[in-house]
Amino acid sequence: MVAGVTGVLEASGLTKAFGELLVLDGVDLQARAGQVLSVLGPSGCGKSTLLRVLAGFEEPTSGAVLLDGVRLTGPSPDRGMVAQAGGLFPWLTLRDNLAFGPVASRRSPAQVAAVVDELLTATGLDGFADALPKQLSGGMRQRASIAQVLANRPPVLLLDEPFGALDAQTRLRMHEWLRALLAERPTTVLLVTHDVEEALLLGDRLCLLSGRPAKIVEELPVPFGVHRGRGVLADPDFVRLKAAVLERVLAA
């Protein structure tokens, strides 16, 4: 983790326009240190644009992105981002993919090896260290993509529908795996998704976006505890909340 950074990520009055097209309209949100904030909205509302602005890959038209109260401009090691397609280099082995960031940060060979070995074990991929990405399943590639970003120890992790391309069973296993991983290594996470169930399974809090131009229309806590697993899907409270949130998204 970057020294002195606790990981409170904020958007303040964030707007983004592409020419005459207004995509984000005064977005205010806060991802709290060590929690998962799910940002849910209808398809095409501007979720990915919001994440790219928060990551520093797009300049806001107005407003600000702040980390621990300090205004940010451009990308930085404080924020790691994982997209749906992941970011693995296809020509590198899994071990070399995970080592890429720590090597670029000029850590010692011993430090790099320790970080990579720890993440290979944490992701259950220690038997595939010498495999190329094309030799891994979809779920394994996404675990590796998240590990690749976590190898840089960012206080903030930005997830852009990272499990959207997976089948339902694999996606559910990935949700459980990610919550278990984050319980062991607390990280501020902002997840954008259009999947209500995913938002509730992973999030500690939920922000609902309107249709484009996107603005926050509601924020609510997700009251199912840090160690929730697939059993929560049958919880009547979960079922009711999922139905209520889905109605709100459809009405957005």
Protein backbone atom coordinates (compact mmCIF):
# COMPACT_ATOMS: atom_id res chain seq x y z
CA MET A 1 0.00 0.00 0.00
CA VAL A 2 1.18 3.54 -0.75
CA ALA A 3 2.62 5.13 2.40
CA GLY A 4 0.26 7.54 4.15
CA VAL A 5 -2.78 6.60 2.06
CA THR A 6 -5.82 5.10 3.79
CA GLY A 7 -7.97 4.80 0.67
CA VAL A 8 -11.02 7.09 0.95
CA LEU A 9 -11.91 7.80 -2.69
CA GLU A 10 -14.41 10.57 -3.47
CA ALA A 11 -16.10 12.07 -6.49
CA SER A 12 -17.26 15.63 -5.90
CA GLY A 13 -19.64 17.26 -8.38
CA LEU A 14 -18.19 15.13 -11.16
CA THR A 15 -19.38 15.86 -14.69
CA LYS A 16 -18.11 14.45 -17.97
CA ALA A 17 -19.16 15.46 -21.47
CA PHE A 18 -17.97 14.26 -24.85
CA GLY A 19 -18.73 17.23 -27.06
CA GLU A 20 -22.47 17.86 -26.75
CA LEU A 21 -23.09 14.49 -25.07
CA LEU A 22 -23.33 14.81 -21.29
CA VAL A 23 -22.53 11.44 -19.70
CA LEU A 24 -21.99 12.25 -16.01
CA ASP A 25 -24.03 14.98 -14.34
CA GLY A 26 -22.81 16.10 -10.91
CA VAL A 27 -21.88 12.72 -9.42
CA ASP A 28 -21.08 12.77 -5.69
CA LEU A 29 -19.97 9.55 -4.02
CA GLN A 30 -17.52 8.24 -1.46
CA ALA A 31 -15.83 4.83 -1.37
CA ARG A 32 -14.86 4.33 2.27
CA ALA A 33 -11.58 2.82 3.41
CA GLY A 34 -11.65 -0.98 3.44
CA GLN A 35 -15.21 -1.25 2.11
CA VAL A 36 -16.75 -2.31 -1.20
CA LEU A 37 -18.95 0.30 -2.87
CA SER A 38 -21.15 -1.13 -5.62
CA VAL A 39 -22.26 1.37 -8.26
CA LEU A 40 -25.29 0.03 -10.08
CA GLY A 41 -27.04 1.48 -13.08
CA PRO A 42 -28.78 0.66 -16.33
CA SER A 43 -26.78 -0.34 -19.41
CA GLY A 44 -25.24 2.63 -21.20
CA CYS A 45 -25.74 5.07 -18.33
CA GLY A 46 -22.04 5.96 -17.99
CA LYS A 47 -20.75 3.50 -15.36
CA SER A 48 -17.52 2.71 -17.23
CA THR A 49 -16.95 6.39 -17.96
CA LEU A 50 -17.29 7.12 -14.25
CA LEU A 51 -14.72 4.46 -13.42
CA ARG A 52 -12.28 5.74 -16.05
CA VAL A 53 -12.57 9.26 -14.62
CA LEU A 54 -11.98 7.93 -11.10
CA ALA A 55 -8.95 5.98 -12.37
CA GLY A 56 -7.53 9.11 -14.01
CA PHE A 57 -7.79 7.76 -17.57
CA GLU A 58 -10.34 10.45 -18.49
CA GLU A 59 -10.29 14.10 -17.40
CA PRO A 60 -13.53 15.31 -15.79
CA THR A 61 -15.26 18.20 -17.49
CA SER A 62 -15.87 19.66 -14.04
CA GLY A 63 -15.74 18.52 -10.45
CA ALA A 64 -12.96 16.64 -8.70
CA VAL A 65 -11.65 13.20 -7.75
CA LEU A 66 -10.07 13.09 -4.29
CA LEU A 67 -8.12 10.46 -2.39
CA ASP A 68 -7.98 11.05 1.36
CA GLY A 69 -9.06 14.63 0.64
CA VAL A 70 -6.29 15.33 -1.88
CA ARG A 71 -7.34 16.21 -5.43
CA LEU A 72 -6.05 13.78 -8.06
CA THR A 73 -5.15 14.37 -11.67
CA GLY A 74 -4.26 11.54 -14.02
CA PRO A 75 -3.51 7.88 -13.20
CA SER A 76 -1.44 6.96 -10.15
CA PRO A 77 -0.30 3.84 -8.25
CA ASP A 78 -2.94 4.67 -5.62
CA ARG A 79 -5.69 3.26 -7.86
CA GLY A 80 -5.57 -0.10 -9.61
CA MET A 81 -8.20 -0.91 -12.22
CA VAL A 82 -9.44 -4.25 -13.57
CA ALA A 83 -11.65 -4.23 -16.68
CA GLN A 84 -13.93 -6.99 -17.98
CA ALA A 85 -11.23 -8.16 -20.38
CA GLY A 86 -8.53 -8.10 -17.68
CA GLY A 87 -5.05 -6.80 -18.28
CA LEU A 88 -2.78 -9.83 -18.54
CA PHE A 89 0.03 -9.71 -21.08
CA PRO A 90 -0.61 -12.73 -23.33
CA TRP A 91 3.09 -13.37 -24.02
CA LEU A 92 4.07 -13.55 -20.33
CA THR A 93 3.62 -16.44 -17.94
CA LEU A 94 1.31 -15.98 -14.99
CA ARG A 95 4.30 -15.53 -12.66
CA ASP A 96 5.80 -12.84 -14.91
CA ASN A 97 2.43 -11.08 -15.24
CA LEU A 98 2.13 -10.82 -11.46
CA ALA A 99 5.76 -9.71 -11.16
CA PHE A 100 5.44 -6.98 -13.80
CA GLY A 101 4.28 -4.18 -11.46
CA PRO A 102 6.61 -4.94 -8.55
CA VAL A 103 9.58 -5.18 -10.95
CA ALA A 104 8.62 -1.83 -12.53
CA SER A 105 8.48 -0.37 -9.01
CA ARG A 106 12.09 -1.52 -8.54
CA ARG A 107 11.46 -3.87 -5.66
CA SER A 108 14.22 -6.31 -4.90
CA PRO A 109 14.10 -9.78 -6.49
CA ALA A 110 13.35 -11.28 -3.07
CA GLN A 111 10.46 -8.86 -2.51
CA VAL A 112 9.05 -9.55 -5.98
CA ALA A 113 9.22 -13.32 -5.44
CA ALA A 114 7.52 -13.02 -2.03
CA VAL A 115 4.65 -10.89 -3.40
CA VAL A 116 4.10 -13.18 -6.39
CA ASP A 117 4.19 -16.38 -4.33
CA GLU A 118 1.74 -14.92 -1.80
CA LEU A 119 -0.73 -13.90 -4.53
CA LEU A 120 -0.44 -17.19 -6.40
CA THR A 121 -1.41 -18.96 -3.18
CA ALA A 122 -4.17 -16.45 -2.31
CA THR A 123 -5.76 -16.86 -5.74
CA GLY A 124 -5.38 -20.66 -5.82
CA LEU A 125 -3.20 -20.40 -8.93
CA ASP A 126 0.09 -21.62 -7.49
CA GLY A 127 -0.02 -24.68 -9.74
CA PHE A 128 -0.21 -22.50 -12.86
CA ALA A 129 2.70 -20.10 -12.34
CA ASP A 130 4.34 -21.06 -15.65
CA ALA A 131 1.14 -21.07 -17.71
CA LEU A 132 0.32 -18.45 -20.34
CA PRO A 133 -3.03 -16.62 -20.04
CA LYS A 134 -4.48 -18.56 -22.98
CA GLN A 135 -3.94 -21.77 -21.00
CA LEU A 136 -6.16 -20.56 -18.12
CA SER A 137 -9.94 -20.72 -17.81
CA GLY A 138 -11.98 -17.50 -17.77
CA GLY A 139 -12.33 -17.51 -14.01
CA MET A 140 -8.63 -18.19 -13.53
CA ARG A 141 -7.74 -15.31 -15.86
CA GLN A 142 -9.91 -12.90 -13.89
CA ARG A 143 -8.41 -14.05 -10.58
CA ALA A 144 -4.99 -13.49 -12.14
CA SER A 145 -5.98 -10.04 -13.45
CA ILE A 146 -7.09 -8.96 -9.97
CA ALA A 147 -3.91 -10.41 -8.46
CA GLN A 148 -1.83 -8.57 -11.07
CA VAL A 149 -3.28 -5.26 -9.85
CA LEU A 150 -3.07 -6.18 -6.15
CA ALA A 151 0.63 -6.97 -6.61
CA ASN A 152 1.17 -3.19 -6.72
CA ARG A 153 -0.57 -2.87 -3.32
CA PRO A 154 -2.93 -0.06 -4.33
CA PRO A 155 -5.13 1.27 -1.51
CA VAL A 156 -8.02 1.54 -4.03
CA LEU A 157 -9.20 -1.18 -6.43
CA LEU A 158 -11.55 -0.20 -9.28
CA LEU A 159 -13.52 -3.03 -10.89
CA ASP A 160 -15.33 -2.53 -14.20
CA GLU A 161 -17.73 -5.50 -14.46
CA PRO A 162 -14.79 -7.92 -14.13
CA PHE A 163 -16.98 -11.04 -14.06
CA GLY A 164 -19.47 -10.04 -16.75
CA ALA A 165 -18.12 -12.47 -19.36
CA LEU A 166 -18.26 -15.52 -17.06
CA ASP A 167 -21.03 -18.09 -16.83
CA ALA A 168 -23.39 -17.84 -13.84
CA GLN A 169 -21.80 -20.64 -11.79
CA THR A 170 -18.25 -19.36 -12.28
CA ARG A 171 -19.36 -15.80 -11.53
CA LEU A 172 -20.88 -16.90 -8.21
CA ARG A 173 -17.68 -18.72 -7.25
CA MET A 174 -15.71 -15.59 -8.15
CA HIS A 175 -17.93 -13.45 -5.93
CA GLU A 176 -17.24 -15.73 -2.96
CA TRP A 177 -13.53 -15.84 -3.77
CA LEU A 178 -13.25 -12.04 -3.98
CA ARG A 179 -15.06 -11.43 -0.69
CA ALA A 180 -12.79 -13.98 1.04
CA LEU A 181 -9.69 -12.35 -0.48
CA LEU A 182 -10.76 -8.86 0.61
CA ALA A 183 -11.50 -10.11 4.14
CA GLU A 184 -7.84 -11.13 4.37
CA ARG A 185 -6.42 -7.95 2.77
CA PRO A 186 -8.78 -5.00 3.33
CA THR A 187 -8.83 -2.72 0.30
CA THR A 188 -11.13 0.09 -0.74
CA VAL A 189 -13.08 -1.26 -3.73
CA LEU A 190 -15.39 0.51 -6.15
CA LEU A 191 -17.28 -1.93 -8.37
CA VAL A 192 -19.46 -0.84 -11.28
CA THR A 193 -22.00 -3.35 -12.53
CA HIS A 194 -25.46 -3.66 -14.07
CA ASP A 195 -26.05 -6.96 -12.20
CA VAL A 196 -28.19 -6.39 -9.08
CA GLU A 197 -27.27 -9.73 -7.50
CA GLU A 198 -23.55 -9.07 -7.98
CA ALA A 199 -23.85 -5.59 -6.49
CA LEU A 200 -25.55 -6.98 -3.37
CA LEU A 201 -23.29 -10.02 -2.98
CA LEU A 202 -20.10 -7.95 -3.14
CA GLY A 203 -21.04 -4.51 -1.86
CA ASP A 204 -21.06 -3.10 1.66
CA ARG A 205 -22.90 -0.09 0.26
CA LEU A 206 -24.79 0.53 -2.95
CA CYS A 207 -25.10 3.64 -5.10
CA LEU A 208 -27.79 3.72 -7.78
CA LEU A 209 -27.17 5.71 -10.96
CA SER A 210 -29.86 7.20 -13.16
CA GLY A 211 -29.95 6.74 -16.90
CA ARG A 212 -27.65 8.98 -18.95
CA PRO A 213 -26.64 11.57 -18.00
CA ALA A 214 -25.78 9.63 -14.87
CA LYS A 215 -26.27 11.02 -11.41
CA ILE A 216 -26.60 9.31 -8.02
CA VAL A 217 -30.29 8.84 -7.28
CA GLU A 218 -30.01 6.74 -4.12
CA GLU A 219 -27.49 5.28 -1.69
CA LEU A 220 -28.22 2.43 0.69
CA PRO A 221 -26.34 0.01 2.96
CA VAL A 222 -26.12 -3.69 2.15
CA PRO A 223 -26.86 -5.37 5.51
CA PHE A 224 -25.62 -8.95 5.03
CA GLY A 225 -22.22 -8.97 6.74
CA VAL A 226 -18.64 -9.29 5.54
CA HIS A 227 -18.60 -13.10 5.32
CA ARG A 228 -21.74 -13.60 3.22
CA GLY A 229 -21.68 -16.57 0.85
CA ARG A 230 -24.05 -18.10 -1.65
CA GLY A 231 -26.42 -19.05 1.16
CA VAL A 232 -27.53 -15.42 1.37
CA LEU A 233 -29.27 -15.83 -2.00
CA ALA A 234 -32.07 -17.70 -0.23
CA ASP A 235 -32.37 -15.17 2.62
CA PRO A 236 -35.85 -13.58 2.39
CA ASP A 237 -34.36 -10.17 3.22
CA PHE A 238 -31.89 -10.55 0.36
CA VAL A 239 -34.63 -11.61 -2.05
CA ARG A 240 -36.79 -8.61 -1.06
CA LEU A 241 -33.91 -6.15 -1.34
CA LYS A 242 -32.87 -7.56 -4.72
CA ALA A 243 -36.42 -7.15 -6.05
CA ALA A 244 -36.70 -3.61 -4.69
CA VAL A 245 -33.35 -2.54 -6.14
CA LEU A 246 -34.17 -4.09 -9.51
CA GLU A 247 -37.41 -2.06 -9.63
CA ARG A 248 -35.45 1.11 -8.90
CA VAL A 249 -32.90 0.35 -11.62
CA LEU A 250 -35.68 -0.33 -14.15
CA ALA A 251 -37.28 2.99 -13.21
CA ALA A 252 -34.02 4.95 -13.43
